[in-house]
């Protein structure tokens, strides 16, 4: 009888530990980069000349995948797909790529983006250093550039 009561107490204690909700800041620390983000991206020619400024939504999924879409016309490129991983501390690698299209809708090649993301201490914003490369349909590099990104977590 004592063994049954002891096992019941242990099981109940373990169950309660999982049932007690964590504070929001603890959940965010555990999830780190996971979640939806609203970002402003500035692309340049790496010489100080701005090429484009646009907004993007990025979803960092559990397990290390990501999805990205932005407010450029959808006829120019498809959604971005990629991965992310923690490098250490508040730093992450988050490369992704998408298909580019010509004005007539034909395939124009692939855009590859690499970036290092630095998450803020409170976990509600990040900045990133961006490098991008555009390839033609045959895989030849057409041009490349630099950029930056500032993002805030979507509620």
C-alpha atoms as a PDB file:
ATOM      1  CA  UNK A   1       0.000   0.000   0.000  1.00  0.00           C
ATOM      2  CA  UNK A   2       2.822   2.418   0.918  1.00  0.00           C
ATOM      3  CA  UNK A   3       4.498   1.684  -2.440  1.00  0.00           C
ATOM      4  CA  UNK A   4       1.301   2.533  -4.359  1.00  0.00           C
ATOM      5  CA  UNK A   5       0.886   5.818  -2.448  1.00  0.00           C
ATOM      6  CA  UNK A   6       4.570   6.728  -2.974  1.00  0.00           C
ATOM      7  CA  UNK A   7       4.362   5.978  -6.724  1.00  0.00           C
ATOM      8  CA  UNK A   8       1.159   8.059  -6.951  1.00  0.00           C
ATOM      9  CA  UNK A   9       2.849  11.008  -5.232  1.00  0.00           C
ATOM     10  CA  UNK A  10       5.872  10.785  -7.562  1.00  0.00           C
ATOM     11  CA  UNK A  11       3.631  10.597 -10.639  1.00  0.00           C
ATOM     12  CA  UNK A  12       1.484  13.525  -9.444  1.00  0.00           C
ATOM     13  CA  UNK A  13       4.571  15.641  -8.703  1.00  0.00           C
ATOM     14  CA  UNK A  14       5.974  14.978 -12.194  1.00  0.00           C
ATOM     15  CA  UNK A  15       2.622  15.774 -13.808  1.00  0.00           C
ATOM     16  CA  UNK A  16       2.326  19.063 -11.905  1.00  0.00           C
ATOM     17  CA  UNK A  17       5.816  20.114 -13.001  1.00  0.00           C
ATOM     18  CA  UNK A  18       4.701  19.915 -16.628  1.00  0.00           C
ATOM     19  CA  UNK A  19       1.279  21.463 -16.001  1.00  0.00           C
ATOM     20  CA  UNK A  20       2.563  24.664 -14.392  1.00  0.00           C
ATOM     21  CA  UNK A  21       2.850  27.281 -17.139  1.00  0.00           C
ATOM     22  CA  UNK A  22       6.228  28.890 -17.666  1.00  0.00           C
ATOM     23  CA  UNK A  23       6.495  32.676 -17.670  1.00  0.00           C
ATOM     24  CA  UNK A  24       6.528  34.221 -21.164  1.00  0.00           C
ATOM     25  CA  UNK A  25      10.201  35.224 -20.935  1.00  0.00           C
ATOM     26  CA  UNK A  26      11.178  31.654 -20.037  1.00  0.00           C
ATOM     27  CA  UNK A  27       9.195  30.309 -22.989  1.00  0.00           C
ATOM     28  CA  UNK A  28      10.900  32.767 -25.336  1.00  0.00           C
ATOM     29  CA  UNK A  29      14.362  31.869 -24.041  1.00  0.00           C
ATOM     30  CA  UNK A  30      13.618  28.188 -24.552  1.00  0.00           C
ATOM     31  CA  UNK A  31      12.260  28.839 -28.047  1.00  0.00           C
ATOM     32  CA  UNK A  32      15.008  31.399 -28.828  1.00  0.00           C
ATOM     33  CA  UNK A  33      14.664  32.303 -32.500  1.00  0.00           C
ATOM     34  CA  UNK A  34      11.557  30.186 -33.116  1.00  0.00           C
ATOM     35  CA  UNK A  35       8.498  32.163 -34.146  1.00  0.00           C
ATOM     36  CA  UNK A  36       7.310  34.775 -36.621  1.00  0.00           C
ATOM     37  CA  UNK A  37       9.229  37.975 -37.292  1.00  0.00           C
ATOM     38  CA  UNK A  38       8.582  41.236 -39.155  1.00  0.00           C
ATOM     39  CA  UNK A  39      11.790  42.577 -40.670  1.00  0.00           C
ATOM     40  CA  UNK A  40      13.116  45.446 -42.745  1.00  0.00           C
ATOM     41  CA  UNK A  41      15.889  44.416 -45.130  1.00  0.00           C
ATOM     42  CA  UNK A  42      18.337  46.787 -46.812  1.00  0.00           C
ATOM     43  CA  UNK A  43      20.408  45.361 -49.669  1.00  0.00           C
ATOM     44  CA  UNK A  44      23.481  47.143 -51.038  1.00  0.00           C
ATOM     45  CA  UNK A  45      26.255  46.710 -53.581  1.00  0.00           C
ATOM     46  CA  UNK A  46      28.774  46.404 -50.688  1.00  0.00           C
ATOM     47  CA  UNK A  47      30.207  49.784 -51.688  1.00  0.00           C
ATOM     48  CA  UNK A  48      27.554  51.858 -49.890  1.00  0.00           C
ATOM     49  CA  UNK A  49      25.027  52.002 -52.740  1.00  0.00           C
ATOM     50  CA  UNK A  50      21.545  50.902 -51.685  1.00  0.00           C
ATOM     51  CA  UNK A  51      19.942  48.428 -54.106  1.00  0.00           C
ATOM     52  CA  UNK A  52      16.647  47.770 -52.325  1.00  0.00           C
ATOM     53  CA  UNK A  53      14.765  48.242 -49.067  1.00  0.00           C
ATOM     54  CA  UNK A  54      11.771  46.013 -48.336  1.00  0.00           C
ATOM     55  CA  UNK A  55       9.796  44.301 -45.596  1.00  0.00           C
ATOM     56  CA  UNK A  56       9.765  40.569 -45.012  1.00  0.00           C
ATOM     57  CA  UNK A  57       8.084  38.048 -42.773  1.00  0.00           C
ATOM     58  CA  UNK A  58      10.285  35.231 -41.546  1.00  0.00           C
ATOM     59  CA  UNK A  59       9.129  32.107 -39.712  1.00  0.00           C
ATOM     60  CA  UNK A  60      11.805  30.220 -37.772  1.00  0.00           C
ATOM     61  CA  UNK A  61      10.291  26.770 -37.230  1.00  0.00           C
ATOM     62  CA  UNK A  62      11.065  24.267 -34.476  1.00  0.00           C
ATOM     63  CA  UNK A  63      13.652  21.803 -35.699  1.00  0.00           C
ATOM     64  CA  UNK A  64      15.720  24.339 -37.641  1.00  0.00           C
ATOM     65  CA  UNK A  65      13.806  25.177 -40.831  1.00  0.00           C
ATOM     66  CA  UNK A  66      12.656  28.615 -41.950  1.00  0.00           C
ATOM     67  CA  UNK A  67      10.229  30.208 -44.395  1.00  0.00           C
ATOM     68  CA  UNK A  68      10.463  33.740 -45.720  1.00  0.00           C
ATOM     69  CA  UNK A  69       8.270  35.965 -47.844  1.00  0.00           C
ATOM     70  CA  UNK A  70       8.540  39.662 -48.598  1.00  0.00           C
ATOM     71  CA  UNK A  71       6.572  42.546 -50.059  1.00  0.00           C
ATOM     72  CA  UNK A  72       8.225  42.557 -53.485  1.00  0.00           C
ATOM     73  CA  UNK A  73       5.887  41.551 -56.332  1.00  0.00           C
ATOM     74  CA  UNK A  74       5.243  37.779 -56.210  1.00  0.00           C
ATOM     75  CA  UNK A  75       5.888  37.542 -59.968  1.00  0.00           C
ATOM     76  CA  UNK A  76       9.600  38.327 -59.339  1.00  0.00           C
ATOM     77  CA  UNK A  77      10.403  35.459 -56.973  1.00  0.00           C
ATOM     78  CA  UNK A  78       8.949  32.628 -54.944  1.00  0.00           C
ATOM     79  CA  UNK A  79       8.959  32.088 -51.183  1.00  0.00           C
ATOM     80  CA  UNK A  80      12.243  31.581 -49.377  1.00  0.00           C
ATOM     81  CA  UNK A  81      13.081  28.236 -47.807  1.00  0.00           C
ATOM     82  CA  UNK A  82      16.051  27.494 -45.598  1.00  0.00           C
ATOM     83  CA  UNK A  83      17.484  26.391 -42.301  1.00  0.00           C
ATOM     84  CA  UNK A  84      18.749  27.953 -39.105  1.00  0.00           C
ATOM     85  CA  UNK A  85      21.044  26.892 -36.310  1.00  0.00           C
ATOM     86  CA  UNK A  86      22.448  28.398 -33.160  1.00  0.00           C
ATOM     87  CA  UNK A  87      26.122  29.327 -33.443  1.00  0.00           C
ATOM     88  CA  UNK A  88      26.469  30.148 -29.758  1.00  0.00           C
ATOM     89  CA  UNK A  89      25.226  32.797 -27.386  1.00  0.00           C
ATOM     90  CA  UNK A  90      22.747  35.003 -29.222  1.00  0.00           C
ATOM     91  CA  UNK A  91      24.154  34.268 -32.708  1.00  0.00           C
ATOM     92  CA  UNK A  92      22.513  32.129 -35.376  1.00  0.00           C
ATOM     93  CA  UNK A  93      23.185  31.139 -38.964  1.00  0.00           C
ATOM     94  CA  UNK A  94      20.039  31.384 -41.118  1.00  0.00           C
ATOM     95  CA  UNK A  95      20.656  30.795 -44.848  1.00  0.00           C
ATOM     96  CA  UNK A  96      17.791  30.446 -47.312  1.00  0.00           C
ATOM     97  CA  UNK A  97      17.096  30.615 -51.034  1.00  0.00           C
ATOM     98  CA  UNK A  98      14.298  31.202 -53.520  1.00  0.00           C
ATOM     99  CA  UNK A  99      13.563  31.019 -57.245  1.00  0.00           C
ATOM    100  CA  UNK A 100      13.710  34.195 -59.374  1.00  0.00           C
ATOM    101  CA  UNK A 101      11.479  34.791 -62.397  1.00  0.00           C
ATOM    102  CA  UNK A 102      11.670  36.996 -65.495  1.00  0.00           C
ATOM    103  CA  UNK A 103       8.865  39.510 -66.246  1.00  0.00           C
ATOM    104  CA  UNK A 104       7.319  36.956 -68.653  1.00  0.00           C
ATOM    105  CA  UNK A 105       7.148  34.399 -65.814  1.00  0.00           C
ATOM    106  CA  UNK A 106       9.977  32.197 -67.058  1.00  0.00           C
ATOM    107  CA  UNK A 107      12.599  30.846 -64.657  1.00  0.00           C
ATOM    108  CA  UNK A 108      15.450  33.338 -64.145  1.00  0.00           C
ATOM    109  CA  UNK A 109      17.568  31.465 -61.608  1.00  0.00           C
ATOM    110  CA  UNK A 110      18.130  31.152 -57.880  1.00  0.00           C
ATOM    111  CA  UNK A 111      18.869  33.710 -55.179  1.00  0.00           C
ATOM    112  CA  UNK A 112      20.931  32.447 -52.208  1.00  0.00           C
ATOM    113  CA  UNK A 113      21.056  34.403 -48.983  1.00  0.00           C
ATOM    114  CA  UNK A 114      23.402  33.788 -46.092  1.00  0.00           C
ATOM    115  CA  UNK A 115      23.136  35.723 -42.868  1.00  0.00           C
ATOM    116  CA  UNK A 116      24.274  35.821 -39.309  1.00  0.00           C
ATOM    117  CA  UNK A 117      21.456  36.745 -36.940  1.00  0.00           C
ATOM    118  CA  UNK A 118      22.073  38.329 -33.542  1.00  0.00           C
ATOM    119  CA  UNK A 119      19.115  37.976 -31.190  1.00  0.00           C
ATOM    120  CA  UNK A 120      18.546  40.737 -28.634  1.00  0.00           C
ATOM    121  CA  UNK A 121      18.891  39.946 -24.942  1.00  0.00           C
ATOM    122  CA  UNK A 122      15.122  40.099 -24.389  1.00  0.00           C
ATOM    123  CA  UNK A 123      14.472  37.859 -27.420  1.00  0.00           C
ATOM    124  CA  UNK A 124      12.032  40.292 -29.038  1.00  0.00           C
ATOM    125  CA  UNK A 125      14.216  41.665 -31.837  1.00  0.00           C
ATOM    126  CA  UNK A 126      17.199  40.762 -33.940  1.00  0.00           C
ATOM    127  CA  UNK A 127      19.653  42.228 -36.403  1.00  0.00           C
ATOM    128  CA  UNK A 128      21.470  40.368 -39.122  1.00  0.00           C
ATOM    129  CA  UNK A 129      24.344  40.803 -41.526  1.00  0.00           C
ATOM    130  CA  UNK A 130      23.326  39.600 -44.979  1.00  0.00           C
ATOM    131  CA  UNK A 131      25.210  38.427 -48.071  1.00  0.00           C
ATOM    132  CA  UNK A 132      23.365  37.419 -51.235  1.00  0.00           C
ATOM    133  CA  UNK A 133      24.202  35.828 -54.576  1.00  0.00           C
ATOM    134  CA  UNK A 134      22.051  35.611 -57.698  1.00  0.00           C
ATOM    135  CA  UNK A 135      22.548  32.728 -60.124  1.00  0.00           C
ATOM    136  CA  UNK A 136      21.200  32.251 -63.642  1.00  0.00           C
ATOM    137  CA  UNK A 137      19.293  29.064 -64.615  1.00  0.00           C
ATOM    138  CA  UNK A 138      22.594  27.340 -65.455  1.00  0.00           C
ATOM    139  CA  UNK A 139      24.046  28.041 -61.993  1.00  0.00           C
ATOM    140  CA  UNK A 140      26.389  30.859 -63.070  1.00  0.00           C
ATOM    141  CA  UNK A 141      26.849  33.715 -60.605  1.00  0.00           C
ATOM    142  CA  UNK A 142      25.273  36.899 -62.027  1.00  0.00           C
ATOM    143  CA  UNK A 143      25.844  39.307 -59.140  1.00  0.00           C
ATOM    144  CA  UNK A 144      26.223  39.467 -55.385  1.00  0.00           C
ATOM    145  CA  UNK A 145      25.809  41.994 -52.639  1.00  0.00           C
ATOM    146  CA  UNK A 146      25.535  42.779 -48.945  1.00  0.00           C
ATOM    147  CA  UNK A 147      22.835  43.864 -46.606  1.00  0.00           C
ATOM    148  CA  UNK A 148      21.392  44.242 -43.169  1.00  0.00           C
ATOM    149  CA  UNK A 149      18.148  43.300 -41.476  1.00  0.00           C
ATOM    150  CA  UNK A 150      16.294  44.587 -38.411  1.00  0.00           C
ATOM    151  CA  UNK A 151      13.393  42.499 -37.127  1.00  0.00           C
ATOM    152  CA  UNK A 152      10.854  42.425 -34.344  1.00  0.00           C
ATOM    153  CA  UNK A 153       8.925  39.425 -33.100  1.00  0.00           C
ATOM    154  CA  UNK A 154       5.314  39.299 -34.253  1.00  0.00           C
ATOM    155  CA  UNK A 155       2.843  39.067 -31.360  1.00  0.00           C
END
